[in-house]
Amino acid sequence: MVCSYRMWWCPSSVLHLLRCVRLRPCARRGRNRWPLGIRERWAYMKLLVQSLYFNSLTDSDVVFDSIFEPVFWTVDYITRWFGLVFVWLVVILTSSILGIAYVVLLPLILTTYSPAWIAWHICYGHWNIIMIVFHYYKAAKTSPGCPPMERNSTPFVSVCKKCIIPKPARTHHCGICNRCILKMDHHCPWLNNCVGHFNHRYFFSFCLFMTLGCVYCSISGRNLFLDAYSDLGRFKHLDMEKPGVPVTGMGLLIGLLPSGQTNYQTPAPPYSFKDKMINKSIIYMWVLTSTVGLALGALTIWHAVLISRGETSIERHTNSKERKRLEKWGQVYKNPFNYGKLNNWKIFLGVEKRSHWVTRVLLPSAHTPHGNGLTWNVFPFKKDFLAV
């Protein structure tokens, strides 16, 4: 023992120890030359790989999520970055339709329509655009709601594996917002915001009134679209046959009249650049509103069906899996948050009395939804939850 003790403190051993101490920090500094973000991603990837063979509960879903986690992260990052682009795209496209309506269609309506139709178009059009702007702004700026960080004050059913905080019922984690959302439905890139408990009504109302506005523009502008499209096609065809020949507003080519013929009406002013832009604007408005009306209308109907069932988009998939699982055992699954179609709509829209169907549904209203999003009554009501 004494001999080994002396050998440990011999000069050569001390020198060797100092060399090891010096080499380790150098090696560590060499490894730390990579940026912090790359080192964090590398450590995360190593942890994912290790979880595949250190986790005793590993199954196909865990392996799939671990392998495609970088793909999910990339999609979430790109969606988060493009959020403002989508918002500005909605604002620009909606503003362009409004500009065409005020500059092109409104003067035409005032000069050709009867007073009753003029009053209808002005009242309905302005009410529709007010509802669209109000609900879009509220849906984009209202927080969907997040569970509190305190464990003691939050009734929860599980713990989020990413946030490491209690998750109440109907709460899910959003990878794009990087937080848990109360009664999460989905993340909407067109809002650059999650759709959750406190802004779900604003989102659905925006979809509904935007669909109504698009259908209104598509139906009311159908004849104008057909006339503009036929005019553009006819004038383009005639201009290709006789380039440089002035084309009149009535589609007559002065250069094509037989020689000596004088019994024709005085032609209208030439088909100017302004007329061409007006026709193209009408075509653009009708095509855009018709396309958006069909796509957004299908989405609105789908969300209306989910609301009638007392489900969100995420709960639709989870309830379907649970229903199939219980069918194998000969049992029937019942959604604990389904209170009946009428009650589901009343709870969703915040209708507590008859007048609220007008003041809270047909007019802009910033009332808060029923409940706080943390606790839910899981027993279906035997009678109407709210007065009709």
Protein backbone atom coordinates (compact mmCIF):
# COMPACT_ATOMS: atom_id res chain seq x y z
CA MET A 1 0.00 0.00 0.00
CA VAL A 2 2.79 2.36 0.82
CA CYS A 3 4.51 1.59 -2.39
CA SER A 4 1.41 2.28 -4.44
CA TYR A 5 0.84 5.48 -2.50
CA ARG A 6 4.31 6.73 -3.33
CA MET A 7 4.01 5.76 -6.95
CA TRP A 8 0.81 7.78 -7.19
CA TRP A 9 2.53 10.90 -6.01
CA CYS A 10 5.66 10.47 -8.01
CA PRO A 11 6.48 13.33 -10.40
CA SER A 12 5.84 11.26 -13.49
CA SER A 13 2.36 10.32 -12.30
CA VAL A 14 1.50 13.93 -11.48
CA LEU A 15 2.72 15.04 -14.87
CA HIS A 16 0.60 12.40 -16.54
CA LEU A 17 -2.43 13.52 -14.53
CA LEU A 18 -1.93 17.16 -15.51
CA ARG A 19 -1.67 16.22 -19.13
CA CYS A 20 -4.99 14.36 -18.93
CA VAL A 21 -6.63 17.32 -17.23
CA ARG A 22 -5.35 19.66 -19.91
CA LEU A 23 -6.32 17.42 -22.78
CA ARG A 24 -9.92 16.92 -21.68
CA PRO A 25 -10.91 20.61 -21.74
CA CYS A 26 -9.21 20.95 -25.10
CA ALA A 27 -11.13 18.03 -26.49
CA ARG A 28 -14.33 19.42 -24.99
CA ARG A 29 -13.67 22.82 -26.51
CA GLY A 30 -13.15 21.14 -29.87
CA ARG A 31 -16.50 19.45 -29.67
CA ASN A 32 -18.20 22.69 -28.60
CA ARG A 33 -17.12 24.53 -31.70
CA TRP A 34 -20.43 23.59 -33.32
CA PRO A 35 -23.24 26.14 -32.90
CA LEU A 36 -25.57 25.64 -29.97
CA GLY A 37 -28.58 24.96 -32.19
CA ILE A 38 -26.80 22.13 -34.04
CA ARG A 39 -25.60 20.58 -30.77
CA GLU A 40 -29.12 20.67 -29.35
CA ARG A 41 -30.56 19.03 -32.47
CA TRP A 42 -27.82 16.37 -32.39
CA ALA A 43 -28.46 15.62 -28.72
CA TYR A 44 -32.19 15.42 -29.44
CA MET A 45 -31.63 12.98 -32.31
CA LYS A 46 -29.41 10.79 -30.09
CA LEU A 47 -32.13 10.78 -27.44
CA LEU A 48 -34.73 9.74 -30.02
CA VAL A 49 -32.55 6.87 -31.24
CA GLN A 50 -31.83 5.73 -27.68
CA SER A 51 -35.53 5.79 -26.84
CA LEU A 52 -36.17 3.17 -29.51
CA TYR A 53 -34.30 0.46 -27.60
CA PHE A 54 -34.40 1.76 -24.00
CA ASN A 55 -38.20 2.10 -23.83
CA SER A 56 -39.98 -1.11 -22.84
CA LEU A 57 -43.29 0.23 -24.18
CA THR A 58 -42.00 0.77 -27.70
CA ASP A 59 -44.49 -0.03 -30.46
CA SER A 60 -45.02 0.89 -34.10
CA ASP A 61 -46.52 4.27 -33.23
CA VAL A 62 -43.54 5.23 -31.08
CA VAL A 63 -41.09 4.18 -33.80
CA PHE A 64 -43.06 6.08 -36.45
CA ASP A 65 -43.22 9.26 -34.36
CA SER A 66 -39.51 9.06 -33.54
CA ILE A 67 -38.43 8.52 -37.14
CA PHE A 68 -40.63 11.28 -38.54
CA GLU A 69 -40.08 13.74 -35.70
CA PRO A 70 -37.58 15.79 -37.80
CA VAL A 71 -40.15 15.97 -40.60
CA PHE A 72 -42.86 17.10 -38.20
CA TRP A 73 -40.52 19.68 -36.70
CA THR A 74 -39.63 21.04 -40.15
CA VAL A 75 -43.28 21.34 -41.17
CA ASP A 76 -44.15 23.08 -37.90
CA TYR A 77 -41.26 25.50 -38.28
CA ILE A 78 -42.17 26.39 -41.88
CA THR A 79 -45.85 26.82 -40.98
CA ARG A 80 -44.90 29.06 -38.06
CA TRP A 81 -42.65 31.16 -40.30
CA PHE A 82 -45.27 31.48 -43.08
CA GLY A 83 -48.05 32.43 -40.69
CA LEU A 84 -47.83 36.16 -41.35
CA VAL A 85 -47.63 35.50 -45.10
CA PHE A 86 -50.96 33.67 -45.01
CA VAL A 87 -52.55 36.44 -42.95
CA TRP A 88 -51.41 39.12 -45.38
CA LEU A 89 -52.63 36.97 -48.27
CA VAL A 90 -56.14 36.87 -46.75
CA VAL A 91 -56.10 40.64 -46.21
CA ILE A 92 -54.86 41.40 -49.73
CA LEU A 93 -57.30 39.08 -51.51
CA THR A 94 -60.27 40.29 -49.47
CA SER A 95 -59.28 43.92 -50.03
CA SER A 96 -59.01 43.35 -53.78
CA ILE A 97 -62.57 41.99 -53.91
CA LEU A 98 -63.79 44.98 -51.91
CA GLY A 99 -61.98 47.35 -54.26
CA ILE A 100 -63.64 45.79 -57.31
CA ALA A 101 -67.04 45.88 -55.59
CA TYR A 102 -66.79 49.58 -54.77
CA VAL A 103 -65.05 50.78 -57.95
CA VAL A 104 -66.67 48.59 -60.61
CA LEU A 105 -69.88 47.04 -59.31
CA LEU A 106 -71.33 49.75 -57.09
CA PRO A 107 -71.57 52.42 -59.85
CA LEU A 108 -73.17 49.83 -62.11
CA ILE A 109 -75.71 48.91 -59.43
CA LEU A 110 -76.60 52.53 -58.74
CA THR A 111 -77.33 53.23 -62.41
CA THR A 112 -79.14 50.03 -63.45
CA TYR A 113 -80.89 48.47 -60.43
CA SER A 114 -84.19 49.46 -58.87
CA PRO A 115 -84.21 51.28 -55.50
CA ALA A 116 -85.30 48.12 -53.65
CA TRP A 117 -82.44 46.07 -55.07
CA ILE A 118 -79.98 48.90 -54.41
CA ALA A 119 -81.02 49.00 -50.74
CA TRP A 120 -80.72 45.19 -50.49
CA HIS A 121 -77.24 45.04 -51.99
CA ILE A 122 -75.90 47.94 -49.93
CA CYS A 123 -77.33 46.69 -46.62
CA TYR A 124 -76.46 43.03 -47.04
CA GLY A 125 -73.03 43.69 -48.52
CA HIS A 126 -71.92 46.01 -45.73
CA TRP A 127 -73.36 43.75 -43.00
CA ASN A 128 -71.53 40.78 -44.49
CA ILE A 129 -68.17 42.53 -44.70
CA ILE A 130 -68.49 43.86 -41.13
CA MET A 131 -69.09 40.33 -39.85
CA ILE A 132 -66.15 38.98 -41.83
CA VAL A 133 -63.69 41.62 -40.65
CA PHE A 134 -64.82 41.46 -37.02
CA HIS A 135 -64.66 37.68 -36.67
CA TYR A 136 -61.39 37.36 -38.56
CA TYR A 137 -59.71 39.94 -36.34
CA LYS A 138 -61.04 38.35 -33.16
CA ALA A 139 -60.11 34.83 -34.29
CA ALA A 140 -56.55 35.90 -35.13
CA LYS A 141 -55.93 38.08 -32.06
CA THR A 142 -57.81 36.16 -29.35
CA SER A 143 -55.77 33.63 -27.42
CA PRO A 144 -57.29 30.14 -27.68
CA GLY A 145 -56.51 29.52 -24.00
CA CYS A 146 -53.70 27.65 -22.24
CA PRO A 147 -53.74 25.61 -19.02
CA PRO A 148 -52.07 27.22 -15.99
CA MET A 149 -48.65 26.04 -14.87
CA GLU A 150 -49.66 25.24 -11.28
CA ARG A 151 -50.39 21.57 -10.67
CA ASN A 152 -52.51 22.03 -7.56
CA SER A 153 -55.00 24.45 -9.08
CA THR A 154 -55.54 22.59 -12.38
CA PRO A 155 -57.82 19.58 -12.76
CA PHE A 156 -55.97 17.41 -15.27
CA VAL A 157 -56.25 13.99 -16.86
CA SER A 158 -52.63 13.63 -18.02
CA VAL A 159 -49.32 15.45 -18.28
CA CYS A 160 -48.02 16.89 -21.55
CA LYS A 161 -44.85 15.06 -22.56
CA LYS A 162 -43.50 18.19 -24.26
CA CYS A 163 -44.59 21.01 -21.94
CA ILE A 164 -44.37 18.84 -18.79
CA ILE A 165 -47.47 20.56 -17.39
CA PRO A 166 -50.91 19.17 -16.41
CA LYS A 167 -53.32 18.70 -19.33
CA PRO A 168 -57.04 19.18 -18.60
CA ALA A 169 -59.64 17.28 -20.60
CA ARG A 170 -59.86 18.18 -24.32
CA THR A 171 -56.43 19.87 -24.14
CA HIS A 172 -53.77 19.07 -26.73
CA HIS A 173 -50.26 20.28 -27.51
CA CYS A 174 -49.68 22.39 -30.64
CA GLY A 175 -46.25 21.88 -32.15
CA ILE A 176 -46.48 25.10 -34.16
CA CYS A 177 -47.42 27.36 -31.24
CA ASN A 178 -45.26 25.18 -28.94
CA ARG A 179 -47.83 25.21 -26.13
CA CYS A 180 -50.89 23.33 -24.90
CA ILE A 181 -54.27 24.62 -26.10
CA LEU A 182 -57.58 24.29 -24.24
CA LYS A 183 -60.18 22.40 -26.30
CA MET A 184 -57.85 22.51 -29.29
CA ASP A 185 -59.46 22.04 -32.70
CA HIS A 186 -56.51 22.66 -35.03
CA HIS A 187 -53.85 25.21 -35.92
CA CYS A 188 -55.06 27.52 -38.67
CA PRO A 189 -52.24 29.00 -40.81
CA TRP A 190 -54.67 31.53 -42.30
CA LEU A 191 -55.12 32.98 -38.81
CA ASN A 192 -51.53 32.39 -37.68
CA ASN A 193 -53.15 31.16 -34.48
CA CYS A 194 -54.55 28.03 -32.90
CA VAL A 195 -58.30 27.44 -32.81
CA GLY A 196 -59.23 26.60 -29.25
CA HIS A 197 -61.75 27.20 -26.51
CA PHE A 198 -61.83 31.02 -26.52
CA ASN A 199 -61.69 31.68 -30.29
CA HIS A 200 -63.43 28.63 -31.80
CA ARG A 201 -66.67 30.58 -32.26
CA TYR A 202 -64.84 33.44 -33.98
CA PHE A 203 -63.18 31.01 -36.39
CA PHE A 204 -66.41 29.26 -37.34
CA SER A 205 -68.29 32.55 -37.73
CA PHE A 206 -65.56 33.89 -39.97
CA CYS A 207 -65.74 30.78 -42.17
CA LEU A 208 -69.53 31.00 -42.30
CA PHE A 209 -69.78 34.68 -43.21
CA MET A 210 -66.85 34.50 -45.63
CA THR A 211 -68.64 31.62 -47.39
CA LEU A 212 -71.88 33.62 -47.49
CA GLY A 213 -70.03 36.60 -48.92
CA CYS A 214 -68.35 34.53 -51.62
CA VAL A 215 -71.63 32.86 -52.58
CA TYR A 216 -73.31 36.29 -52.68
CA CYS A 217 -70.64 37.69 -55.02
CA SER A 218 -70.69 34.56 -57.18
CA ILE A 219 -74.47 34.54 -57.65
CA SER A 220 -74.95 38.29 -58.07
CA GLY A 221 -72.00 38.61 -60.47
CA ARG A 222 -72.72 35.58 -62.64
CA ASN A 223 -74.29 37.51 -65.54
CA LEU A 224 -71.57 40.14 -65.40
CA PHE A 225 -68.96 37.39 -65.51
CA LEU A 226 -70.55 35.76 -68.58
CA ASP A 227 -70.75 39.10 -70.41
CA ALA A 228 -67.18 40.06 -69.52
CA TYR A 229 -65.82 36.65 -70.49
CA SER A 230 -67.62 36.66 -73.86
CA ASP A 231 -66.48 40.21 -74.58
CA LEU A 232 -62.85 39.41 -73.87
CA GLY A 233 -62.97 36.29 -76.00
CA ARG A 234 -64.71 38.01 -78.92
CA PHE A 235 -62.44 41.03 -78.96
CA LYS A 236 -59.31 38.90 -78.63
CA HIS A 237 -60.43 36.76 -81.58
CA LEU A 238 -61.21 39.77 -83.77
CA ASP A 239 -57.96 41.49 -82.87
CA MET A 240 -56.00 38.41 -83.94
CA GLU A 241 -57.78 38.37 -87.33
CA LYS A 242 -57.40 42.12 -87.97
CA PRO A 243 -54.56 43.45 -85.83
CA GLY A 244 -54.50 47.19 -85.54
CA VAL A 245 -58.13 47.65 -86.57
CA PRO A 246 -60.06 49.59 -83.90
CA VAL A 247 -62.63 47.41 -82.14
CA THR A 248 -65.84 49.13 -81.09
CA GLY A 249 -67.70 48.58 -77.90
CA MET A 250 -70.46 46.74 -79.81
CA GLY A 251 -67.96 44.28 -81.30
CA LEU A 252 -68.06 45.83 -84.84
CA LEU A 253 -64.97 46.02 -86.94
CA ILE A 254 -65.04 49.13 -89.07
CA GLY A 255 -62.42 47.67 -91.37
CA LEU A 256 -64.55 44.56 -92.03
CA LEU A 257 -67.60 46.46 -93.42
CA PRO A 258 -68.19 45.94 -97.15
CA SER A 259 -67.09 48.81 -99.37
CA GLY A 260 -69.81 51.35 -100.03
CA GLN A 261 -71.99 50.19 -97.12
CA THR A 262 -73.25 53.08 -95.06
CA ASN A 263 -76.43 51.70 -93.45
CA TYR A 264 -74.93 50.80 -90.10
CA GLN A 265 -75.44 52.36 -86.72
CA THR A 266 -72.93 54.70 -85.23
CA PRO A 267 -70.42 52.48 -83.47
CA ALA A 268 -69.84 52.76 -79.75
CA PRO A 269 -66.60 54.15 -78.40
CA PRO A 270 -63.60 51.86 -79.00
CA TYR A 271 -62.92 49.01 -76.60
CA SER A 272 -60.41 50.84 -74.43
CA PHE A 273 -57.86 49.62 -71.93
CA LYS A 274 -60.23 50.69 -69.13
CA ASP A 275 -63.00 48.45 -70.50
CA LYS A 276 -60.59 45.56 -70.75
CA MET A 277 -59.43 45.99 -67.13
CA ILE A 278 -63.04 46.21 -65.91
CA ASN A 279 -63.90 42.95 -67.63
CA LYS A 280 -60.78 41.26 -66.27
CA SER A 281 -61.58 42.52 -62.77
CA ILE A 282 -65.08 41.05 -62.96
CA ILE A 283 -63.68 37.72 -64.16
CA TYR A 284 -61.07 37.71 -61.39
CA MET A 285 -63.67 38.48 -58.72
CA TRP A 286 -66.09 35.79 -59.88
CA VAL A 287 -63.45 33.06 -60.23
CA LEU A 288 -61.88 33.84 -56.84
CA THR A 289 -65.14 34.08 -54.91
CA SER A 290 -66.56 30.94 -56.55
CA THR A 291 -63.43 28.91 -55.80
CA VAL A 292 -63.14 30.12 -52.21
CA GLY A 293 -66.87 29.70 -51.70
CA LEU A 294 -66.73 26.02 -52.69
CA ALA A 295 -63.61 25.18 -50.69
CA LEU A 296 -64.48 27.20 -47.60
CA GLY A 297 -68.11 26.11 -47.79
CA ALA A 298 -67.08 22.45 -47.57
CA LEU A 299 -64.86 23.25 -44.57
CA THR A 300 -67.68 25.18 -42.88
CA ILE A 301 -70.14 22.31 -43.35
CA TRP A 302 -67.60 19.88 -41.90
CA HIS A 303 -67.10 22.03 -38.79
CA ALA A 304 -70.86 22.46 -38.44
CA VAL A 305 -71.24 18.67 -38.35
CA LEU A 306 -68.51 18.43 -35.68
CA ILE A 307 -70.17 21.14 -33.58
CA SER A 308 -73.49 19.32 -33.81
CA ARG A 309 -71.78 16.21 -32.44
CA GLY A 310 -69.95 18.08 -29.67
CA GLU A 311 -66.54 17.22 -31.12
CA THR A 312 -63.43 19.00 -32.30
CA SER A 313 -61.31 17.97 -35.28
CA ILE A 314 -58.87 16.15 -33.00
CA GLU A 315 -61.62 14.49 -30.98
CA ARG A 316 -63.18 13.24 -34.20
CA HIS A 317 -60.17 10.95 -34.73
CA THR A 318 -59.76 9.93 -31.09
CA ASN A 319 -63.47 9.19 -30.69
CA SER A 320 -63.43 7.12 -33.87
CA LYS A 321 -60.56 4.99 -32.55
CA GLU A 322 -62.27 4.60 -29.18
CA ARG A 323 -65.54 3.63 -30.86
CA LYS A 324 -63.82 0.91 -32.88
CA ARG A 325 -61.97 -0.36 -29.83
CA LEU A 326 -65.16 -0.72 -27.79
CA GLU A 327 -66.99 -2.37 -30.68
CA LYS A 328 -64.57 -5.28 -30.44
CA TRP A 329 -65.72 -5.77 -26.83
CA GLY A 330 -69.38 -5.47 -27.76
CA GLN A 331 -69.76 -2.04 -26.14
CA VAL A 332 -71.04 1.28 -27.45
CA TYR A 333 -68.98 4.45 -27.10
CA LYS A 334 -70.76 7.67 -26.17
CA ASN A 335 -69.10 11.04 -26.46
CA PRO A 336 -69.20 12.54 -22.93
CA PHE A 337 -69.22 16.08 -24.34
CA ASN A 338 -72.24 15.60 -26.62
CA TYR A 339 -75.25 17.30 -25.02
CA GLY A 340 -77.58 17.02 -28.01
CA LYS A 341 -77.51 18.96 -31.29
CA LEU A 342 -79.46 21.99 -30.10
CA ASN A 343 -77.62 22.26 -26.79
CA ASN A 344 -74.26 21.83 -28.52
CA TRP A 345 -75.01 24.82 -30.73
CA LYS A 346 -76.30 26.91 -27.83
CA ILE A 347 -73.18 26.20 -25.77
CA PHE A 348 -70.89 26.83 -28.73
CA LEU A 349 -72.53 30.13 -29.75
CA GLY A 350 -73.15 31.31 -26.18
CA VAL A 351 -76.91 31.59 -26.66
CA GLU A 352 -78.64 31.88 -23.27
CA LYS A 353 -81.95 33.42 -24.35
CA ARG A 354 -83.87 34.05 -27.55
CA SER A 355 -82.56 37.55 -28.14
CA HIS A 356 -79.01 36.20 -28.22
CA TRP A 357 -79.69 34.57 -31.58
CA VAL A 358 -79.70 38.12 -32.97
CA THR A 359 -77.34 40.02 -30.67
CA ARG A 360 -74.70 37.26 -30.39
CA VAL A 361 -75.05 35.40 -33.68
CA LEU A 362 -76.27 37.83 -36.36
CA LEU A 363 -74.44 40.83 -34.93
CA PRO A 364 -70.80 41.27 -33.87
CA SER A 365 -70.38 40.12 -30.28
CA ALA A 366 -67.27 39.60 -28.15
CA HIS A 367 -68.90 37.53 -25.41
CA THR A 368 -66.81 34.76 -23.88
CA PRO A 369 -67.73 31.08 -24.37
CA HIS A 370 -69.44 28.96 -21.76
CA GLY A 371 -67.05 27.63 -19.11
CA ASN A 372 -63.34 28.16 -18.55
CA GLY A 373 -62.06 25.31 -20.72
CA LEU A 374 -60.51 23.52 -17.72
CA THR A 375 -63.49 21.54 -16.45
CA TRP A 376 -66.34 19.97 -18.40
CA ASN A 377 -69.63 18.46 -17.40
CA VAL A 378 -69.35 14.90 -18.67
CA PHE A 379 -73.00 13.98 -18.08
CA PRO A 380 -75.46 14.67 -20.93
CA PHE A 381 -78.33 16.97 -20.01
CA LYS A 382 -81.78 15.44 -19.80
CA LYS A 383 -83.36 18.69 -20.93
CA ASP A 384 -82.28 21.79 -22.75
CA PHE A 385 -79.24 23.32 -21.15
CA LEU A 386 -80.36 26.82 -22.06
CA ALA A 387 -83.73 28.48 -22.48
CA VAL A 388 -85.00 28.40 -26.05
